[in-house]
Amino acid sequence: MKELKLPELIQEVLAKLEELKYSKGTLNGHRCVYKYLLEYASTIPTDEYTKELGSTFLENSSSFLHKRGEKYVCPLKSRGEMAATAIRKLGEYQHFGVFSRRPIAMQLEDWAMDDHQIMLAYDHSRAPIDTGKTPMSDRLKRLRHFYLYLESIGFRSVKYITPEIIASYLKTEAGYSKVTIKSLHKSLRAYFRFLYKYEHLPIDYSGYVPRVQAIENANIPMIWTNDDVEKLLASIDKASPVGRRNYAIFLLIAELGIRACDINALKGGDIDWDKKTIHFDQEKTGNLNVLPLSDRAGWAIIDYVRYARPQVDSPYVFLTCNAPYTQLGKTTAVSALKLQMQIAGIKPSTPGAKIGIHSLRHSLARKLLDKNVTLEDIADIMGHTEVVSSSPYLKIDVEGLRGCALSLKEVAEYV
């Protein structure tokens, strides 16, 4: 890329975002961030953009105070994520001339462009191409990264790709975790093998996509104690519609271990009130899961449906609280959990621990381990198709791991 001064770089980035049809709100948010970045750069002073400038700007963004009436406010305080995204885009465009756009909710025909039919054929040819256990739908989603990159450089089909284009795309993955890059590369290699086998490409480009060594499930999730869970639940305002809904959702996750995606898809007919069970086809595996419905979770659902659920004709149990009252989004539960943790004053006991809905599932698994429940039974409760899928829960069994540790005397015997 040609060297650009900071004002010129910002101008080109905004023009590119507009060309890619980013929303008006996103564009205005980026303009706001860049306005204060220019002000910050003038205090150094510099008109060159560097990674260090972007980092120090973000670190000091809370100090940008502007007078609004009789008060001083920080315009970037509520734009923390937007500011980080805007700064990241400056660096990406400066080095690569494109953005590593995060996938958004798009239909296949929207992002596959001229290769829509090829994608459909790929979707129906999983067996001879890849023997992995990853659902094909997930592989298709991962290919969006590559197609969005092709679109950003002016191509609508993979038939125009070259080794140079692949190498340039791989550079845009900077910032993703190794585990994410590993899965992206795996999907891309499988797709390239398919394209070559069925003569959509003259060359098998899978060899140009390197294999990435990454340890999966390496991060330790936040471990919830019983007191933490009860503190979280007690902090919820159950007089509000949102509170009643979230209270029921958190109970279903903490007491039954149901995934958030399955809670979002839960329908009235999935609950057998006579038998006190919940039965549903899992989104992740497609398998039927039948779980006993605890009294507390059951009454929470009844309370929500009677007094807080919007009175609309929808098959889903849990709905948004604002019109048009639709099925919950994928991030609704995790966003609600993080906000409720702040309200309850709950912080991870381990620095850097992953916080999310899955951490509640992990904590339920730990309780079951503490009660000497076998991994086979835990796999059934958690909805895993194989016992090995439940093995990551062993890493949160701290007492069990301590029992596996050798004493210094035992270590000395093997040295």
Protein backbone atom coordinates (compact mmCIF):
# COMPACT_ATOMS: atom_id res chain seq x y z
CA MET A 1 0.00 0.00 0.00
CA LYS A 2 1.10 3.56 -0.65
CA GLU A 3 2.08 5.66 2.34
CA LEU A 4 -0.72 7.95 3.45
CA LYS A 5 -0.83 10.70 6.03
CA LEU A 6 -3.33 10.15 8.82
CA PRO A 7 -6.02 12.53 7.43
CA GLU A 8 -5.75 10.90 3.98
CA LEU A 9 -5.84 7.41 5.48
CA ILE A 10 -9.00 8.25 7.43
CA GLN A 11 -10.62 9.73 4.33
CA GLU A 12 -9.91 6.60 2.27
CA VAL A 13 -11.09 4.26 5.04
CA LEU A 14 -14.40 6.11 5.37
CA ALA A 15 -14.85 6.08 1.58
CA LYS A 16 -14.19 2.32 1.51
CA LEU A 17 -16.66 1.70 4.34
CA GLU A 18 -19.29 3.69 2.45
CA GLU A 19 -18.54 1.74 -0.72
CA LEU A 20 -19.04 -1.53 1.19
CA LYS A 21 -22.46 -0.23 2.29
CA TYR A 22 -21.81 -0.02 6.02
CA SER A 23 -24.78 1.46 7.86
CA LYS A 24 -25.16 5.19 8.47
CA GLY A 25 -24.84 4.62 12.22
CA THR A 26 -21.57 2.71 11.81
CA LEU A 27 -20.16 5.39 9.51
CA ASN A 28 -21.08 8.16 11.95
CA GLY A 29 -19.52 6.19 14.80
CA HIS A 30 -16.26 5.81 12.87
CA ARG A 31 -16.26 9.52 11.98
CA CYS A 32 -16.64 10.38 15.66
CA VAL A 33 -13.71 8.15 16.64
CA TYR A 34 -11.49 9.49 13.86
CA LYS A 35 -12.31 13.08 14.82
CA TYR A 36 -10.91 12.52 18.30
CA LEU A 37 -7.99 10.51 16.93
CA LEU A 38 -6.96 13.52 14.83
CA GLU A 39 -7.25 15.77 17.89
CA TYR A 40 -5.13 13.34 19.90
CA ALA A 41 -2.51 13.07 17.13
CA SER A 42 -2.21 16.87 17.00
CA THR A 43 -1.15 16.93 20.66
CA ILE A 44 1.87 14.67 20.06
CA PRO A 45 2.18 16.05 17.30
CA THR A 46 2.17 13.65 14.32
CA ASP A 47 0.37 13.17 11.04
CA GLU A 48 1.58 9.57 10.59
CA TYR A 49 -0.53 6.61 11.66
CA THR A 50 1.20 3.79 13.52
CA LYS A 51 0.02 0.85 15.58
CA GLU A 52 1.49 2.53 18.66
CA LEU A 53 -0.53 5.70 18.00
CA GLY A 54 -3.74 3.69 17.76
CA SER A 55 -2.97 1.77 20.97
CA THR A 56 -2.12 4.83 23.04
CA PHE A 57 -5.19 6.62 21.68
CA LEU A 58 -7.45 3.80 22.87
CA GLU A 59 -5.70 3.67 26.25
CA ASN A 60 -6.27 7.40 26.76
CA SER A 61 -9.69 7.70 25.10
CA SER A 62 -11.45 7.99 28.48
CA SER A 63 -9.62 11.29 29.10
CA PHE A 64 -11.23 13.07 26.15
CA LEU A 65 -13.69 15.36 27.90
CA HIS A 66 -16.00 17.79 26.14
CA LYS A 67 -18.31 20.32 27.70
CA ARG A 68 -21.99 19.61 27.18
CA GLY A 69 -24.07 22.26 28.88
CA GLU A 70 -22.73 22.55 32.41
CA LYS A 71 -21.17 19.08 32.38
CA TYR A 72 -18.04 17.54 30.92
CA VAL A 73 -18.68 14.24 29.16
CA CYS A 74 -16.47 11.64 27.50
CA PRO A 75 -17.87 11.10 23.97
CA LEU A 76 -16.01 7.79 23.52
CA LYS A 77 -17.00 6.23 26.85
CA SER A 78 -20.01 4.48 25.32
CA ARG A 79 -18.16 3.74 22.09
CA GLY A 80 -15.39 1.52 23.43
CA GLU A 81 -16.02 -1.36 21.04
CA MET A 82 -16.66 1.00 18.12
CA ALA A 83 -13.40 2.86 18.85
CA ALA A 84 -11.40 -0.38 18.89
CA THR A 85 -13.02 -1.51 15.62
CA ALA A 86 -12.40 1.84 13.93
CA ILE A 87 -8.73 1.83 14.94
CA ARG A 88 -8.32 -1.78 13.80
CA LYS A 89 -9.71 -0.87 10.38
CA LEU A 90 -7.13 1.89 9.97
CA GLY A 91 -4.32 -0.59 10.53
CA GLU A 92 -5.84 -3.21 8.23
CA TYR A 93 -6.37 -0.76 5.40
CA GLN A 94 -2.93 0.76 5.85
CA HIS A 95 -1.18 -2.61 5.58
CA PHE A 96 -3.48 -4.68 3.34
CA GLY A 97 -5.74 -2.24 1.52
CA VAL A 98 -8.80 -4.22 2.70
CA PHE A 99 -10.70 -4.98 5.89
CA SER A 100 -10.93 -8.41 7.48
CA ARG A 101 -14.68 -7.98 7.78
CA ARG A 102 -16.28 -10.06 10.50
CA PRO A 103 -19.06 -12.26 9.10
CA ILE A 104 -22.54 -10.85 9.53
CA ALA A 105 -25.93 -12.49 9.26
CA MET A 106 -26.22 -12.95 5.50
CA GLN A 107 -27.94 -15.45 3.26
CA LEU A 108 -25.73 -17.73 1.19
CA GLU A 109 -26.68 -16.02 -2.07
CA ASP A 110 -25.65 -12.65 -0.61
CA TRP A 111 -22.03 -13.52 0.08
CA ALA A 112 -21.34 -16.43 -2.30
CA MET A 113 -22.13 -14.11 -5.23
CA ASP A 114 -21.42 -15.85 -8.57
CA ASP A 115 -20.48 -19.09 -6.77
CA HIS A 116 -23.88 -19.62 -5.16
CA GLN A 117 -24.58 -22.84 -7.10
CA ILE A 118 -21.06 -24.13 -6.45
CA MET A 119 -21.63 -23.60 -2.73
CA LEU A 120 -24.89 -25.54 -2.86
CA ALA A 121 -23.08 -28.41 -4.60
CA TYR A 122 -20.33 -28.27 -1.97
CA ASP A 123 -22.97 -28.40 0.76
CA HIS A 124 -24.31 -31.68 -0.66
CA SER A 125 -20.94 -33.37 -1.15
CA ARG A 126 -19.56 -33.53 2.38
CA ALA A 127 -18.86 -37.26 2.58
CA PRO A 128 -16.28 -37.69 -0.22
CA ILE A 129 -14.55 -34.40 0.51
CA ASP A 130 -13.97 -34.25 4.22
CA THR A 131 -14.28 -36.91 6.89
CA GLY A 132 -14.12 -34.41 9.74
CA LYS A 133 -16.89 -34.07 12.31
CA THR A 134 -17.49 -30.35 11.84
CA PRO A 135 -21.04 -29.73 10.56
CA MET A 136 -21.01 -28.60 6.94
CA SER A 137 -23.13 -25.55 7.78
CA ASP A 138 -20.31 -24.32 10.01
CA ARG A 139 -17.77 -24.75 7.20
CA LEU A 140 -19.95 -22.69 4.89
CA LYS A 141 -20.13 -19.93 7.48
CA ARG A 142 -16.35 -19.92 7.81
CA LEU A 143 -15.95 -19.51 4.06
CA ARG A 144 -17.71 -16.14 4.32
CA HIS A 145 -14.44 -14.66 5.56
CA PHE A 146 -12.75 -15.54 2.29
CA TYR A 147 -15.63 -14.45 0.06
CA LEU A 148 -16.01 -11.12 1.81
CA TYR A 149 -12.32 -10.56 1.20
CA LEU A 150 -12.72 -11.41 -2.51
CA GLU A 151 -15.60 -8.94 -2.71
CA SER A 152 -13.49 -6.22 -1.09
CA ILE A 153 -10.83 -6.56 -3.82
CA GLY A 154 -13.36 -6.62 -6.65
CA PHE A 155 -13.86 -10.35 -7.37
CA ARG A 156 -17.16 -12.22 -7.34
CA SER A 157 -15.89 -15.78 -7.82
CA VAL A 158 -13.06 -18.06 -6.71
CA LYS A 159 -12.21 -18.79 -10.35
CA TYR A 160 -10.08 -15.63 -10.33
CA ILE A 161 -7.95 -16.55 -7.33
CA THR A 162 -4.18 -16.91 -7.42
CA PRO A 163 -1.59 -17.93 -4.82
CA GLU A 164 -0.89 -14.22 -4.33
CA ILE A 165 -4.56 -13.51 -3.52
CA ILE A 166 -4.62 -16.39 -1.03
CA ALA A 167 -1.44 -15.11 0.64
CA SER A 168 -2.91 -11.61 0.83
CA TYR A 169 -6.11 -12.94 2.39
CA LEU A 170 -4.19 -14.90 5.02
CA LYS A 171 -2.58 -11.67 6.20
CA THR A 172 -6.00 -10.24 7.03
CA GLU A 173 -6.49 -12.93 9.67
CA ALA A 174 -4.19 -11.06 12.03
CA GLY A 175 -6.00 -10.53 15.30
CA TYR A 176 -7.91 -13.82 15.29
CA SER A 177 -7.00 -16.51 17.80
CA LYS A 178 -4.97 -19.51 16.65
CA VAL A 179 -7.95 -21.79 17.19
CA THR A 180 -10.12 -19.59 14.95
CA ILE A 181 -7.44 -19.41 12.25
CA LYS A 182 -7.02 -23.19 12.43
CA SER A 183 -10.74 -23.73 11.74
CA LEU A 184 -10.79 -21.11 8.96
CA HIS A 185 -7.83 -22.77 7.23
CA LYS A 186 -9.31 -26.24 7.61
CA SER A 187 -12.54 -25.15 5.93
CA LEU A 188 -10.71 -23.32 3.15
CA ARG A 189 -8.47 -26.32 2.38
CA ALA A 190 -11.53 -28.61 2.19
CA TYR A 191 -13.26 -26.17 -0.16
CA PHE A 192 -10.23 -25.87 -2.44
CA ARG A 193 -9.99 -29.67 -2.65
CA PHE A 194 -13.64 -29.79 -3.68
CA LEU A 195 -13.17 -27.07 -6.31
CA TYR A 196 -10.22 -28.92 -7.85
CA LYS A 197 -11.87 -32.34 -7.74
CA TYR A 198 -14.94 -31.11 -9.59
CA GLU A 199 -12.91 -28.99 -12.04
CA HIS A 200 -14.04 -25.59 -10.83
CA LEU A 201 -10.35 -24.72 -10.46
CA PRO A 202 -7.42 -25.96 -12.58
CA ILE A 203 -5.12 -26.19 -9.54
CA ASP A 204 -5.56 -27.64 -6.06
CA TYR A 205 -4.89 -24.53 -3.98
CA SER A 206 -5.32 -26.33 -0.64
CA GLY A 207 -1.53 -26.62 -0.37
CA TYR A 208 -1.26 -22.83 -0.24
CA VAL A 209 -3.25 -22.71 3.01
CA PRO A 210 -0.94 -23.65 5.89
CA ARG A 211 -1.91 -25.93 8.73
CA VAL A 212 -2.02 -24.19 12.09
CA GLN A 213 -1.13 -25.95 15.31
CA ALA A 214 -3.45 -24.78 18.06
CA ILE A 215 -4.60 -26.34 21.31
CA GLU A 216 -8.37 -26.26 21.52
CA ASN A 217 -10.19 -25.79 24.82
CA ALA A 218 -6.99 -24.38 26.32
CA ASN A 219 -8.70 -21.49 28.10
CA ILE A 220 -10.15 -22.08 31.53
CA PRO A 221 -13.70 -20.73 31.78
CA MET A 222 -14.99 -18.79 34.73
CA ILE A 223 -15.99 -21.17 37.51
CA TRP A 224 -19.27 -20.27 39.18
CA THR A 225 -19.79 -21.22 42.81
CA ASN A 226 -23.29 -21.91 44.09
CA ASP A 227 -23.14 -18.57 45.89
CA ASP A 228 -22.20 -16.79 42.64
CA VAL A 229 -25.15 -18.30 40.79
CA GLU A 230 -27.58 -17.41 43.56
CA LYS A 231 -26.14 -13.90 43.79
CA LEU A 232 -26.62 -13.47 40.04
CA LEU A 233 -30.23 -14.68 40.18
CA ALA A 234 -31.03 -12.56 43.24
CA SER A 235 -29.78 -9.40 41.49
CA ILE A 236 -32.31 -9.71 38.65
CA ASP A 237 -35.24 -7.30 38.69
CA LYS A 238 -38.06 -9.83 38.39
CA ALA A 239 -40.66 -7.07 38.33
CA SER A 240 -39.62 -6.13 34.78
CA PRO A 241 -40.39 -8.15 31.62
CA VAL A 242 -36.69 -8.38 30.74
CA GLY A 243 -35.86 -9.54 34.26
CA ARG A 244 -38.53 -12.24 34.27
CA ARG A 245 -37.33 -13.51 30.90
CA ASN A 246 -33.64 -13.51 31.79
CA TYR A 247 -34.30 -15.15 35.17
CA ALA A 248 -35.94 -18.11 33.43
CA ILE A 249 -33.19 -18.32 30.81
CA PHE A 250 -30.36 -18.28 33.35
CA LEU A 251 -32.08 -21.02 35.37
CA LEU A 252 -32.42 -23.24 32.30
CA ILE A 253 -28.70 -22.87 31.64
CA ALA A 254 -27.45 -23.10 35.23
CA GLU A 255 -29.71 -25.95 36.37
CA LEU A 256 -30.27 -27.93 33.17
CA GLY A 257 -27.19 -27.02 31.12
CA ILE A 258 -29.19 -26.12 28.00
CA ARG A 259 -27.26 -24.21 25.33
CA ALA A 260 -28.36 -20.64 24.64
CA CYS A 261 -29.09 -21.46 20.98
CA ASP A 262 -31.48 -24.21 22.06
CA ILE A 263 -33.19 -21.90 24.56
CA ASN A 264 -33.69 -19.35 21.79
CA ALA A 265 -35.35 -22.04 19.65
CA LEU A 266 -37.45 -23.47 22.50
CA LYS A 267 -41.15 -23.74 21.63
CA GLY A 268 -44.21 -24.19 23.80
CA GLY A 269 -44.71 -27.75 22.62
CA ASP A 270 -41.19 -28.67 23.77
CA ILE A 271 -42.29 -28.54 27.42
CA ASP A 272 -44.25 -31.47 28.85
CA TRP A 273 -45.82 -30.01 31.98
CA ASP A 274 -47.39 -33.32 33.04
CA LYS A 275 -44.08 -35.19 32.96
CA LYS A 276 -42.06 -32.11 34.00
CA THR A 277 -39.61 -32.52 31.13
CA ILE A 278 -38.18 -30.45 28.29
CA HIS A 279 -37.50 -32.16 24.96
CA PHE A 280 -35.93 -30.52 21.93
CA ASP A 281 -33.72 -31.21 18.92
CA GLN A 282 -30.32 -29.69 19.61
CA GLU A 283 -29.11 -27.13 17.10
CA LYS A 284 -25.48 -28.20 17.44
CA THR A 285 -25.91 -31.96 17.02
CA GLY A 286 -29.43 -32.39 15.67
CA ASN A 287 -30.06 -35.05 18.33
CA LEU A 288 -33.08 -35.15 20.61
CA ASN A 289 -32.38 -34.18 24.21
CA VAL A 290 -34.85 -34.84 27.04
CA LEU A 291 -34.20 -33.21 30.42
CA PRO A 292 -36.13 -33.06 33.69
CA LEU A 293 -37.58 -29.62 34.34
CA SER A 294 -36.70 -28.35 37.81
CA ASP A 295 -39.47 -26.77 39.85
CA ARG A 296 -37.72 -23.41 40.05
CA ALA A 297 -37.07 -23.24 36.30
CA GLY A 298 -40.61 -24.40 35.56
CA TRP A 299 -42.23 -21.74 37.74
CA ALA A 300 -39.91 -19.10 36.26
CA ILE A 301 -41.11 -19.99 32.75
CA ILE A 302 -44.75 -19.89 33.88
CA ASP A 303 -44.22 -16.50 35.53
CA TYR A 304 -42.61 -15.12 32.37
CA VAL A 305 -45.30 -16.47 30.02
CA ARG A 306 -48.16 -15.24 32.21
CA TYR A 307 -46.94 -11.79 33.13
CA ALA A 308 -44.08 -10.70 30.85
CA ARG A 309 -44.14 -12.46 27.48
CA PRO A 310 -45.52 -10.26 24.66
CA GLN A 311 -49.01 -11.37 23.61
CA VAL A 312 -48.14 -12.20 20.01
CA ASP A 313 -48.62 -15.26 17.84
CA SER A 314 -45.15 -16.80 17.93
CA PRO A 315 -44.16 -20.44 18.52
CA TYR A 316 -41.07 -19.45 20.51
CA VAL A 317 -41.22 -19.30 24.30
CA PHE A 318 -38.72 -16.47 24.75
CA LEU A 319 -39.11 -13.28 22.70
CA THR A 320 -37.59 -9.83 22.52
CA CYS A 321 -39.24 -7.29 24.81
CA ASN A 322 -39.56 -4.62 22.14
CA ALA A 323 -41.62 -4.65 18.95
CA PRO A 324 -41.73 -6.45 16.59
CA TYR A 325 -41.32 -9.17 19.29
CA THR A 326 -39.21 -11.75 17.52
CA GLN A 327 -37.10 -14.76 18.45
CA LEU A 328 -34.05 -13.87 20.55
CA GLY A 329 -30.77 -13.16 18.79
CA LYS A 330 -27.66 -15.29 19.20
CA THR A 331 -25.93 -12.82 21.53
CA THR A 332 -28.93 -11.83 23.65
CA ALA A 333 -28.21 -14.28 26.47
CA VAL A 334 -24.47 -13.60 26.75
CA SER A 335 -25.00 -9.83 26.65
CA ALA A 336 -27.64 -10.12 29.37
CA LEU A 337 -25.32 -12.29 31.47
CA LYS A 338 -22.40 -9.86 31.29
CA LEU A 339 -24.64 -6.92 32.19
CA GLN A 340 -26.18 -8.82 35.10
CA MET A 341 -22.73 -9.77 36.39
CA GLN A 342 -21.85 -6.07 36.55
CA ILE A 343 -25.07 -5.32 38.42
CA ALA A 344 -24.43 -8.19 40.86
CA GLY A 345 -20.77 -7.25 41.29
CA ILE A 346 -19.54 -10.69 40.22
CA LYS A 347 -16.02 -10.93 38.82
CA PRO A 348 -14.06 -13.96 37.58
CA SER A 349 -12.01 -15.56 40.34
CA THR A 350 -9.30 -16.37 37.78
CA PRO A 351 -7.80 -13.47 35.78
CA GLY A 352 -8.36 -13.91 32.06
CA ALA A 353 -11.03 -16.58 32.50
CA LYS A 354 -13.60 -16.78 29.70
CA ILE A 355 -16.95 -15.27 30.63
CA GLY A 356 -20.00 -16.40 28.77
CA ILE A 357 -23.10 -18.53 28.81
CA HIS A 358 -20.94 -21.61 28.36
CA SER A 359 -19.25 -20.89 31.68
CA LEU A 360 -22.56 -21.68 33.41
CA ARG A 361 -22.68 -25.02 31.57
CA HIS A 362 -19.10 -25.70 32.65
CA SER A 363 -20.03 -24.95 36.24
CA LEU A 364 -22.98 -27.35 36.11
CA ALA A 365 -20.63 -30.03 34.78
CA ARG A 366 -18.27 -29.34 37.67
CA LYS A 367 -21.09 -29.80 40.19
CA LEU A 368 -21.92 -33.12 38.57
CA LEU A 369 -18.25 -34.16 38.72
CA ASP A 370 -18.16 -33.23 42.41
CA LYS A 371 -21.10 -35.61 42.92
CA ASN A 372 -19.11 -38.38 41.17
CA VAL A 373 -21.41 -38.42 38.13
CA THR A 374 -19.68 -40.29 35.29
CA LEU A 375 -18.57 -38.55 32.10
CA GLU A 376 -21.03 -40.74 30.18
CA ASP A 377 -23.94 -39.34 32.19
CA ILE A 378 -22.57 -35.80 31.97
CA ALA A 379 -22.36 -36.19 28.19
CA ASP A 380 -26.05 -37.17 28.12
CA ILE A 381 -27.08 -34.21 30.28
CA MET A 382 -24.99 -31.75 28.28
CA GLY A 383 -26.29 -33.11 24.98
CA HIS A 384 -22.93 -34.37 23.69
CA THR A 385 -22.92 -37.13 21.09
CA GLU A 386 -19.61 -38.54 22.37
CA VAL A 387 -18.06 -38.83 25.81
CA VAL A 388 -14.84 -37.22 24.55
CA SER A 389 -16.80 -33.98 24.02
CA SER A 390 -17.29 -33.80 27.79
CA SER A 391 -13.60 -34.33 28.60
CA PRO A 392 -12.79 -30.57 28.60
CA TYR A 393 -14.90 -30.30 31.75
CA LEU A 394 -12.20 -32.27 33.58
CA LYS A 395 -9.94 -29.21 33.53
CA ILE A 396 -12.27 -27.37 35.93
CA ASP A 397 -12.23 -30.25 38.42
CA VAL A 398 -9.46 -28.59 40.43
CA GLU A 399 -9.59 -31.03 43.34
CA GLY A 400 -9.48 -33.98 40.97
CA LEU A 401 -6.45 -32.50 39.20
CA ARG A 402 -4.72 -31.98 42.54
CA GLY A 403 -5.20 -35.67 43.23
CA CYS A 404 -3.32 -36.47 40.01
CA ALA A 405 -0.30 -34.36 40.99
CA LEU A 406 2.93 -36.11 42.00
CA SER A 407 4.73 -35.18 45.18
CA LEU A 408 8.29 -33.85 45.02
CA LYS A 409 9.52 -37.20 46.33
CA GLU A 410 7.69 -39.06 43.56
CA VAL A 411 9.06 -36.69 40.93
CA ALA A 412 12.60 -37.24 42.21
CA GLU A 413 12.22 -40.98 41.71
CA TYR A 414 11.68 -40.46 37.98
CA VAL A 415 14.47 -37.93 37.45
